[in-house]
PDB file of N, CA and C in Angstrom:
ATOM      1  N   MET A   1      12.556   4.422  -3.899  1.00  0.00           N
ATOM      2  CA  MET A   1      11.181   4.811  -3.666  1.00  0.00           C
ATOM      3  C   MET A   1      10.704   5.621  -4.879  1.00  0.00           C
ATOM      4  N   PRO A   2       9.510   5.309  -5.393  1.00  0.00           N
ATOM      5  CA  PRO A   2       8.996   6.082  -6.525  1.00  0.00           C
ATOM      6  C   PRO A   2       8.814   7.570  -6.166  1.00  0.00           C
ATOM      7  N   ALA A   3       8.971   8.429  -7.151  1.00  0.00           N
ATOM      8  CA  ALA A   3       8.909   9.878  -6.925  1.00  0.00           C
ATOM      9  C   ALA A   3       7.555  10.321  -6.385  1.00  0.00           C
ATOM     10  N   TRP A   4       6.465   9.672  -6.779  1.00  0.00           N
ATOM     11  CA  TRP A   4       5.139  10.109  -6.341  1.00  0.00           C
ATOM     12  C   TRP A   4       4.959  10.005  -4.829  1.00  0.00           C
ATOM     13  N   VAL A   5       5.727   9.159  -4.162  1.00  0.00           N
ATOM     14  CA  VAL A   5       5.590   8.985  -2.715  1.00  0.00           C
ATOM     15  C   VAL A   5       5.928  10.281  -1.980  1.00  0.00           C
ATOM     16  N   ARG A   6       6.850  11.064  -2.505  1.00  0.00           N
ATOM     17  CA  ARG A   6       7.238  12.323  -1.857  1.00  0.00           C
ATOM     18  C   ARG A   6       6.104  13.337  -1.833  1.00  0.00           C
ATOM     19  N   ARG A   7       5.114  13.182  -2.702  1.00  0.00           N
ATOM     20  CA  ARG A   7       3.984  14.117  -2.750  1.00  0.00           C
ATOM     21  C   ARG A   7       2.833  13.724  -1.825  1.00  0.00           C
ATOM     22  N   VAL A   8       2.893  12.543  -1.233  1.00  0.00           N
ATOM     23  CA  VAL A   8       1.821  12.056  -0.371  1.00  0.00           C
ATOM     24  C   VAL A   8       1.938  12.706   1.002  1.00  0.00           C
ATOM     25  N   GLN A   9       0.790  13.125   1.548  1.00  0.00           N
ATOM     26  CA  GLN A   9       0.777  13.794   2.853  1.00  0.00           C
ATOM     27  C   GLN A   9       0.366  12.829   3.956  1.00  0.00           C
ATOM     28  N   ASP A  10       0.603  13.231   5.197  1.00  0.00           N
ATOM     29  CA  ASP A  10       0.235  12.463   6.387  1.00  0.00           C
ATOM     30  C   ASP A  10       0.951  11.116   6.460  1.00  0.00           C
ATOM     31  N   VAL A  11       2.219  11.084   6.058  1.00  0.00           N
ATOM     32  CA  VAL A  11       2.972   9.831   6.033  1.00  0.00           C
ATOM     33  C   VAL A  11       3.847   9.721   7.279  1.00  0.00           C
ATOM     34  N   LYS A  12       3.706   8.591   7.964  1.00  0.00           N
ATOM     35  CA  LYS A  12       4.556   8.276   9.108  1.00  0.00           C
ATOM     36  C   LYS A  12       5.817   7.577   8.631  1.00  0.00           C
ATOM     37  N   ALA A  13       5.674   6.637   7.694  1.00  0.00           N
ATOM     38  CA  ALA A  13       6.804   5.893   7.148  1.00  0.00           C
ATOM     39  C   ALA A  13       6.439   5.363   5.770  1.00  0.00           C
ATOM     40  N   ALA A  14       7.452   5.168   4.931  1.00  0.00           N
ATOM     41  CA  ALA A  14       7.242   4.595   3.600  1.00  0.00           C
ATOM     42  C   ALA A  14       8.455   3.743   3.243  1.00  0.00           C
ATOM     43  N   TYR A  15       8.183   2.589   2.646  1.00  0.00           N
ATOM     44  CA  TYR A  15       9.276   1.708   2.245  1.00  0.00           C
ATOM     45  C   TYR A  15       8.801   0.766   1.143  1.00  0.00           C
ATOM     46  N   ILE A  16       9.748   0.068   0.546  1.00  0.00           N
ATOM     47  CA  ILE A  16       9.454  -0.907  -0.506  1.00  0.00           C
ATOM     48  C   ILE A  16       9.506  -2.307   0.110  1.00  0.00           C
ATOM     49  N   GLN A  17       8.466  -3.079  -0.148  1.00  0.00           N
ATOM     50  CA  GLN A  17       8.462  -4.491   0.249  1.00  0.00           C
ATOM     51  C   GLN A  17       8.724  -5.306  -1.008  1.00  0.00           C
ATOM     52  N   ALA A  18       9.775  -6.097  -0.964  1.00  0.00           N
ATOM     53  CA  ALA A  18      10.166  -6.875  -2.146  1.00  0.00           C
ATOM     54  C   ALA A  18       9.094  -7.901  -2.500  1.00  0.00           C
ATOM     55  N   GLY A  19       8.873  -8.057  -3.794  1.00  0.00           N
ATOM     56  CA  GLY A  19       7.948  -9.072  -4.276  1.00  0.00           C
ATOM     57  C   GLY A  19       8.545 -10.464  -4.131  1.00  0.00           C
ATOM     58  N   ASN A  20       7.716 -11.460  -4.317  1.00  0.00           N
ATOM     59  CA  ASN A  20       8.164 -12.845  -4.208  1.00  0.00           C
ATOM     60  C   ASN A  20       8.316 -13.420  -5.615  1.00  0.00           C
ATOM     61  N   PRO A  21       9.543 -13.645  -6.078  1.00  0.00           N
ATOM     62  CA  PRO A  21       9.754 -14.126  -7.449  1.00  0.00           C
ATOM     63  C   PRO A  21       9.193 -15.521  -7.693  1.00  0.00           C
ATOM     64  N   ASP A  22       8.891 -16.262  -6.639  1.00  0.00           N
ATOM     65  CA  ASP A  22       8.358 -17.614  -6.781  1.00  0.00           C
ATOM     66  C   ASP A  22       6.837 -17.654  -6.944  1.00  0.00           C
ATOM     67  N   GLU A  23       6.163 -16.507  -6.824  1.00  0.00           N
ATOM     68  CA  GLU A  23       4.704 -16.477  -6.958  1.00  0.00           C
ATOM     69  C   GLU A  23       4.287 -16.772  -8.382  1.00  0.00           C
ATOM     70  N   GLU A  24       3.174 -17.455  -8.531  1.00  0.00           N
ATOM     71  CA  GLU A  24       2.654 -17.791  -9.856  1.00  0.00           C
ATOM     72  C   GLU A  24       2.076 -16.573 -10.576  1.00  0.00           C
ATOM     73  N   ASP A  25       1.362 -15.732  -9.830  1.00  0.00           N
ATOM     74  CA  ASP A  25       0.728 -14.542 -10.396  1.00  0.00           C
ATOM     75  C   ASP A  25       1.768 -13.422 -10.540  1.00  0.00           C
ATOM     76  N   PRO A  26       1.951 -12.877 -11.754  1.00  0.00           N
ATOM     77  CA  PRO A  26       2.942 -11.799 -11.941  1.00  0.00           C
ATOM     78  C   PRO A  26       2.700 -10.596 -11.033  1.00  0.00           C
ATOM     79  N   ALA A  27       1.439 -10.305 -10.695  1.00  0.00           N
ATOM     80  CA  ALA A  27       1.143  -9.173  -9.811  1.00  0.00           C
ATOM     81  C   ALA A  27       1.731  -9.387  -8.420  1.00  0.00           C
ATOM     82  N   ASP A  28       1.847 -10.637  -7.994  1.00  0.00           N
ATOM     83  CA  ASP A  28       2.416 -10.936  -6.682  1.00  0.00           C
ATOM     84  C   ASP A  28       3.943 -10.939  -6.694  1.00  0.00           C
ATOM     85  N   ARG A  29       4.540 -10.918  -7.873  1.00  0.00           N
ATOM     86  CA  ARG A  29       6.005 -10.890  -7.978  1.00  0.00           C
ATOM     87  C   ARG A  29       6.555  -9.466  -7.918  1.00  0.00           C
ATOM     88  N   ARG A  30       5.738  -8.482  -8.178  1.00  0.00           N
ATOM     89  CA  ARG A  30       6.222  -7.094  -8.205  1.00  0.00           C
ATOM     90  C   ARG A  30       6.454  -6.577  -6.785  1.00  0.00           C
ATOM     91  N   ASP A  31       7.342  -5.618  -6.678  1.00  0.00           N
ATOM     92  CA  ASP A  31       7.584  -4.959  -5.396  1.00  0.00           C
ATOM     93  C   ASP A  31       6.368  -4.109  -5.041  1.00  0.00           C
ATOM     94  N   SER A  32       6.132  -3.942  -3.737  1.00  0.00           N
ATOM     95  CA  SER A  32       5.017  -3.119  -3.280  1.00  0.00           C
ATOM     96  C   SER A  32       5.526  -1.900  -2.534  1.00  0.00           C
ATOM     97  N   VAL A  33       4.849  -0.778  -2.739  1.00  0.00           N
ATOM     98  CA  VAL A  33       5.106   0.432  -1.969  1.00  0.00           C
ATOM     99  C   VAL A  33       4.213   0.352  -0.732  1.00  0.00           C
ATOM    100  N   VAL A  34       4.837   0.403   0.434  1.00  0.00           N
ATOM    101  CA  VAL A  34       4.104   0.354   1.702  1.00  0.00           C
ATOM    102  C   VAL A  34       4.171   1.745   2.319  1.00  0.00           C
ATOM    103  N   ILE A  35       3.002   2.304   2.625  1.00  0.00           N
ATOM    104  CA  ILE A  35       2.967   3.612   3.281  1.00  0.00           C
ATOM    105  C   ILE A  35       2.148   3.494   4.555  1.00  0.00           C
ATOM    106  N   GLU A  36       2.748   3.939   5.654  1.00  0.00           N
ATOM    107  CA  GLU A  36       2.048   4.026   6.931  1.00  0.00           C
ATOM    108  C   GLU A  36       1.611   5.482   7.101  1.00  0.00           C
ATOM    109  N   TYR A  37       0.300   5.688   7.138  1.00  0.00           N
ATOM    110  CA  TYR A  37      -0.278   7.023   7.265  1.00  0.00           C
ATOM    111  C   TYR A  37      -0.574   7.343   8.729  1.00  0.00           C
ATOM    112  N   THR A  38      -0.604   8.631   9.044  1.00  0.00           N
ATOM    113  CA  THR A  38      -0.922   9.060  10.407  1.00  0.00           C
ATOM    114  C   THR A  38      -2.420   9.148  10.640  1.00  0.00           C
ATOM    115  N   SER A  39      -3.233   9.135   9.564  1.00  0.00           N
ATOM    116  CA  SER A  39      -4.684   9.247   9.709  1.00  0.00           C
ATOM    117  C   SER A  39      -5.358   8.762   8.430  1.00  0.00           C
ATOM    118  N   GLY A  40      -6.680   8.746   8.449  1.00  0.00           N
ATOM    119  CA  GLY A  40      -7.450   8.436   7.255  1.00  0.00           C
ATOM    120  C   GLY A  40      -7.945   7.006   7.197  1.00  0.00           C
ATOM    121  N   ASP A  41      -8.677   6.716   6.133  1.00  0.00           N
ATOM    122  CA  ASP A  41      -9.235   5.395   5.889  1.00  0.00           C
ATOM    123  C   ASP A  41      -8.278   4.603   5.005  1.00  0.00           C
ATOM    124  N   ALA A  42      -7.914   3.407   5.433  1.00  0.00           N
ATOM    125  CA  ALA A  42      -6.925   2.613   4.703  1.00  0.00           C
ATOM    126  C   ALA A  42      -7.391   2.286   3.284  1.00  0.00           C
ATOM    127  N   GLY A  43      -8.664   1.963   3.106  1.00  0.00           N
ATOM    128  CA  GLY A  43      -9.178   1.636   1.783  1.00  0.00           C
ATOM    129  C   GLY A  43      -9.092   2.810   0.829  1.00  0.00           C
ATOM    130  N   GLN A  44      -9.458   3.995   1.310  1.00  0.00           N
ATOM    131  CA  GLN A  44      -9.373   5.192   0.467  1.00  0.00           C
ATOM    132  C   GLN A  44      -7.925   5.539   0.162  1.00  0.00           C
ATOM    133  N   ARG A  45      -7.055   5.402   1.146  1.00  0.00           N
ATOM    134  CA  ARG A  45      -5.628   5.676   0.919  1.00  0.00           C
ATOM    135  C   ARG A  45      -5.063   4.707  -0.113  1.00  0.00           C
ATOM    136  N   CYS A  46      -5.438   3.433  -0.007  1.00  0.00           N
ATOM    137  CA  CYS A  46      -4.963   2.414  -0.942  1.00  0.00           C
ATOM    138  C   CYS A  46      -5.426   2.728  -2.362  1.00  0.00           C
ATOM    139  N   THR A  47      -6.686   3.101  -2.508  1.00  0.00           N
ATOM    140  CA  THR A  47      -7.224   3.423  -3.833  1.00  0.00           C
ATOM    141  C   THR A  47      -6.473   4.596  -4.454  1.00  0.00           C
ATOM    142  N   ALA A  48      -6.185   5.614  -3.651  1.00  0.00           N
ATOM    143  CA  ALA A  48      -5.428   6.767  -4.153  1.00  0.00           C
ATOM    144  C   ALA A  48      -4.006   6.358  -4.535  1.00  0.00           C
ATOM    145  N   MET A  49      -3.383   5.524  -3.735  1.00  0.00           N
ATOM    146  CA  MET A  49      -2.033   5.047  -4.032  1.00  0.00           C
ATOM    147  C   MET A  49      -2.019   4.242  -5.334  1.00  0.00           C
ATOM    148  N   ARG A  50      -3.023   3.407  -5.520  1.00  0.00           N
ATOM    149  CA  ARG A  50      -3.111   2.563  -6.715  1.00  0.00           C
ATOM    150  C   ARG A  50      -3.127   3.432  -7.966  1.00  0.00           C
ATOM    151  N   ALA A  51      -3.843   4.548  -7.919  1.00  0.00           N
ATOM    152  CA  ALA A  51      -3.903   5.454  -9.065  1.00  0.00           C
ATOM    153  C   ALA A  51      -2.534   6.058  -9.361  1.00  0.00           C
ATOM    154  N   LEU A  52      -1.736   6.295  -8.344  1.00  0.00           N
ATOM    155  CA  LEU A  52      -0.415   6.907  -8.517  1.00  0.00           C
ATOM    156  C   LEU A  52       0.669   5.894  -8.887  1.00  0.00           C
ATOM    157  N   ALA A  53       0.545   4.673  -8.415  1.00  0.00           N
ATOM    158  CA  ALA A  53       1.626   3.701  -8.534  1.00  0.00           C
ATOM    159  C   ALA A  53       1.815   3.139  -9.933  1.00  0.00           C
ATOM    160  N   GLY A  54       0.738   3.030 -10.701  1.00  0.00           N
ATOM    161  CA  GLY A  54       0.865   2.399 -12.007  1.00  0.00           C
ATOM    162  C   GLY A  54       1.059   0.901 -11.864  1.00  0.00           C
ATOM    163  N   PRO A  55       1.268   0.212 -12.965  1.00  0.00           N
ATOM    164  CA  PRO A  55       1.335  -1.252 -12.936  1.00  0.00           C
ATOM    165  C   PRO A  55       2.644  -1.834 -12.397  1.00  0.00           C
ATOM    166  N   GLU A  56       3.678  -1.015 -12.259  1.00  0.00           N
ATOM    167  CA  GLU A  56       4.971  -1.583 -11.878  1.00  0.00           C
ATOM    168  C   GLU A  56       5.119  -1.872 -10.383  1.00  0.00           C
ATOM    169  N   HIS A  57       4.250  -1.305  -9.554  1.00  0.00           N
ATOM    170  CA  HIS A  57       4.317  -1.546  -8.114  1.00  0.00           C
ATOM    171  C   HIS A  57       2.956  -1.951  -7.569  1.00  0.00           C
ATOM    172  N   GLY A  58       2.969  -2.822  -6.568  1.00  0.00           N
ATOM    173  CA  GLY A  58       1.787  -3.045  -5.762  1.00  0.00           C
ATOM    174  C   GLY A  58       1.749  -1.983  -4.679  1.00  0.00           C
ATOM    175  N   VAL A  59       0.624  -1.869  -3.968  1.00  0.00           N
ATOM    176  CA  VAL A  59       0.536  -0.882  -2.888  1.00  0.00           C
ATOM    177  C   VAL A  59      -0.105  -1.506  -1.652  1.00  0.00           C
ATOM    178  N   ILE A  60       0.386  -1.082  -0.499  1.00  0.00           N
ATOM    179  CA  ILE A  60      -0.151  -1.485   0.793  1.00  0.00           C
ATOM    180  C   ILE A  60      -0.260  -0.223   1.636  1.00  0.00           C
ATOM    181  N   ALA A  61      -1.457   0.044   2.165  1.00  0.00           N
ATOM    182  CA  ALA A  61      -1.688   1.237   2.977  1.00  0.00           C
ATOM    183  C   ALA A  61      -2.011   0.837   4.406  1.00  0.00           C
ATOM    184  N   PHE A  62      -1.333   1.467   5.359  1.00  0.00           N
ATOM    185  CA  PHE A  62      -1.628   1.286   6.778  1.00  0.00           C
ATOM    186  C   PHE A  62      -2.082   2.619   7.346  1.00  0.00           C
ATOM    187  N   THR A  63      -3.110   2.602   8.165  1.00  0.00           N
ATOM    188  CA  THR A  63      -3.510   3.760   8.958  1.00  0.00           C
ATOM    189  C   THR A  63      -3.560   3.288  10.411  1.00  0.00           C
ATOM    190  N   PRO A  64      -3.767   4.188  11.360  1.00  0.00           N
ATOM    191  CA  PRO A  64      -3.825   3.730  12.760  1.00  0.00           C
ATOM    192  C   PRO A  64      -4.938   2.711  13.022  1.00  0.00           C
ATOM    193  N   THR A  65      -5.967   2.676  12.175  1.00  0.00           N
ATOM    194  CA  THR A  65      -7.096   1.772  12.438  1.00  0.00           C
ATOM    195  C   THR A  65      -7.246   0.631  11.443  1.00  0.00           C
ATOM    196  N   GLY A  66      -6.499   0.644  10.335  1.00  0.00           N
ATOM    197  CA  GLY A  66      -6.700  -0.407   9.351  1.00  0.00           C
ATOM    198  C   GLY A  66      -5.555  -0.544   8.368  1.00  0.00           C
ATOM    199  N   MET A  67      -5.680  -1.550   7.484  1.00  0.00           N
ATOM    200  CA  MET A  67      -4.725  -1.746   6.401  1.00  0.00           C
ATOM    201  C   MET A  67      -5.494  -2.198   5.173  1.00  0.00           C
ATOM    202  N   ALA A  68      -4.938  -1.920   3.995  1.00  0.00           N
ATOM    203  CA  ALA A  68      -5.553  -2.334   2.737  1.00  0.00           C
ATOM    204  C   ALA A  68      -4.455  -2.623   1.724  1.00  0.00           C
ATOM    205  N   VAL A  69      -4.692  -3.634   0.887  1.00  0.00           N
ATOM    206  CA  VAL A  69      -3.731  -4.066  -0.118  1.00  0.00           C
ATOM    207  C   VAL A  69      -4.415  -4.043  -1.476  1.00  0.00           C
ATOM    208  N   ASP A  70      -3.729  -3.541  -2.488  1.00  0.00           N
ATOM    209  CA  ASP A  70      -4.376  -3.430  -3.798  1.00  0.00           C
ATOM    210  C   ASP A  70      -4.760  -4.779  -4.382  1.00  0.00           C
ATOM    211  N   SER A  71      -4.016  -5.842  -4.065  1.00  0.00           N
ATOM    212  CA  SER A  71      -4.368  -7.160  -4.600  1.00  0.00           C
ATOM    213  C   SER A  71      -5.649  -7.701  -3.977  1.00  0.00           C
ATOM    214  N   ASN A  72      -6.131  -7.039  -2.942  1.00  0.00           N
ATOM    215  CA  ASN A  72      -7.408  -7.387  -2.317  1.00  0.00           C
ATOM    216  C   ASN A  72      -8.437  -6.290  -2.625  1.00  0.00           C
ATOM    217  N   ASP A  73      -8.281  -5.638  -3.789  1.00  0.00           N
ATOM    218  CA  ASP A  73      -9.182  -4.567  -4.233  1.00  0.00           C
ATOM    219  C   ASP A  73      -9.287  -3.419  -3.237  1.00  0.00           C
ATOM    220  N   CYS A  74      -8.233  -3.195  -2.472  1.00  0.00           N
ATOM    221  CA  CYS A  74      -8.171  -2.108  -1.489  1.00  0.00           C
ATOM    222  C   CYS A  74      -9.280  -2.178  -0.442  1.00  0.00           C
ATOM    223  N   VAL A  75      -9.749  -3.394  -0.156  1.00  0.00           N
ATOM    224  CA  VAL A  75     -10.720  -3.575   0.918  1.00  0.00           C
ATOM    225  C   VAL A  75      -9.978  -3.401   2.245  1.00  0.00           C
ATOM    226  N   SER A  76     -10.467  -2.509   3.068  1.00  0.00           N
ATOM    227  CA  SER A  76      -9.797  -2.202   4.330  1.00  0.00           C
ATOM    228  C   SER A  76     -10.092  -3.276   5.378  1.00  0.00           C
ATOM    229  N   VAL A  77      -9.041  -3.671   6.088  1.00  0.00           N
ATOM    230  CA  VAL A  77      -9.167  -4.609   7.208  1.00  0.00           C
ATOM    231  C   VAL A  77      -8.847  -3.837   8.464  1.00  0.00           C
ATOM    232  N   LYS A  78      -9.762  -3.874   9.432  1.00  0.00           N
ATOM    233  CA  LYS A  78      -9.543  -3.145  10.680  1.00  0.00           C
ATOM    234  C   LYS A  78      -8.440  -3.811  11.488  1.00  0.00           C
ATOM    235  N   LEU A  79      -7.576  -2.982  12.063  1.00  0.00           N
ATOM    236  CA  LEU A  79      -6.499  -3.477  12.913  1.00  0.00           C
ATOM    237  C   LEU A  79      -7.004  -3.465  14.349  1.00  0.00           C
ATOM    238  N   GLY A  80      -6.957  -4.598  15.012  1.00  0.00           N
ATOM    239  CA  GLY A  80      -7.401  -4.683  16.386  1.00  0.00           C
ATOM    240  C   GLY A  80      -6.269  -4.391  17.341  1.00  0.00           C
ATOM    241  N   THR A  81      -6.622  -4.082  18.564  1.00  0.00           N
ATOM    242  CA  THR A  81      -5.614  -3.886  19.588  1.00  0.00           C
ATOM    243  C   THR A  81      -5.673  -5.081  20.540  1.00  0.00           C
ATOM    244  N   PRO A  82      -4.519  -5.601  20.901  1.00  0.00           N
ATOM    245  CA  PRO A  82      -4.499  -6.801  21.768  1.00  0.00           C
ATOM    246  C   PRO A  82      -5.033  -6.539  23.152  1.00  0.00           C
TER     247      PRO A  82
END
């Protein structure tokens, strides 16, 4: 886990999701840092993570109400309840 993850607050869980070496786009081949937050806006959390992660990692942010991925410009997608 990158060192910057230890400085992030409101974290429920954090882990590395392995990249897919078969992807055509190099950005999709890199490993992603996934952080599940206890609160906040997923898009804003993703944008902040992107600033910390640098080019070597992708980022995925989950909050109780949404998720956002840096490869989707950190656009937040609302998580529905079944």
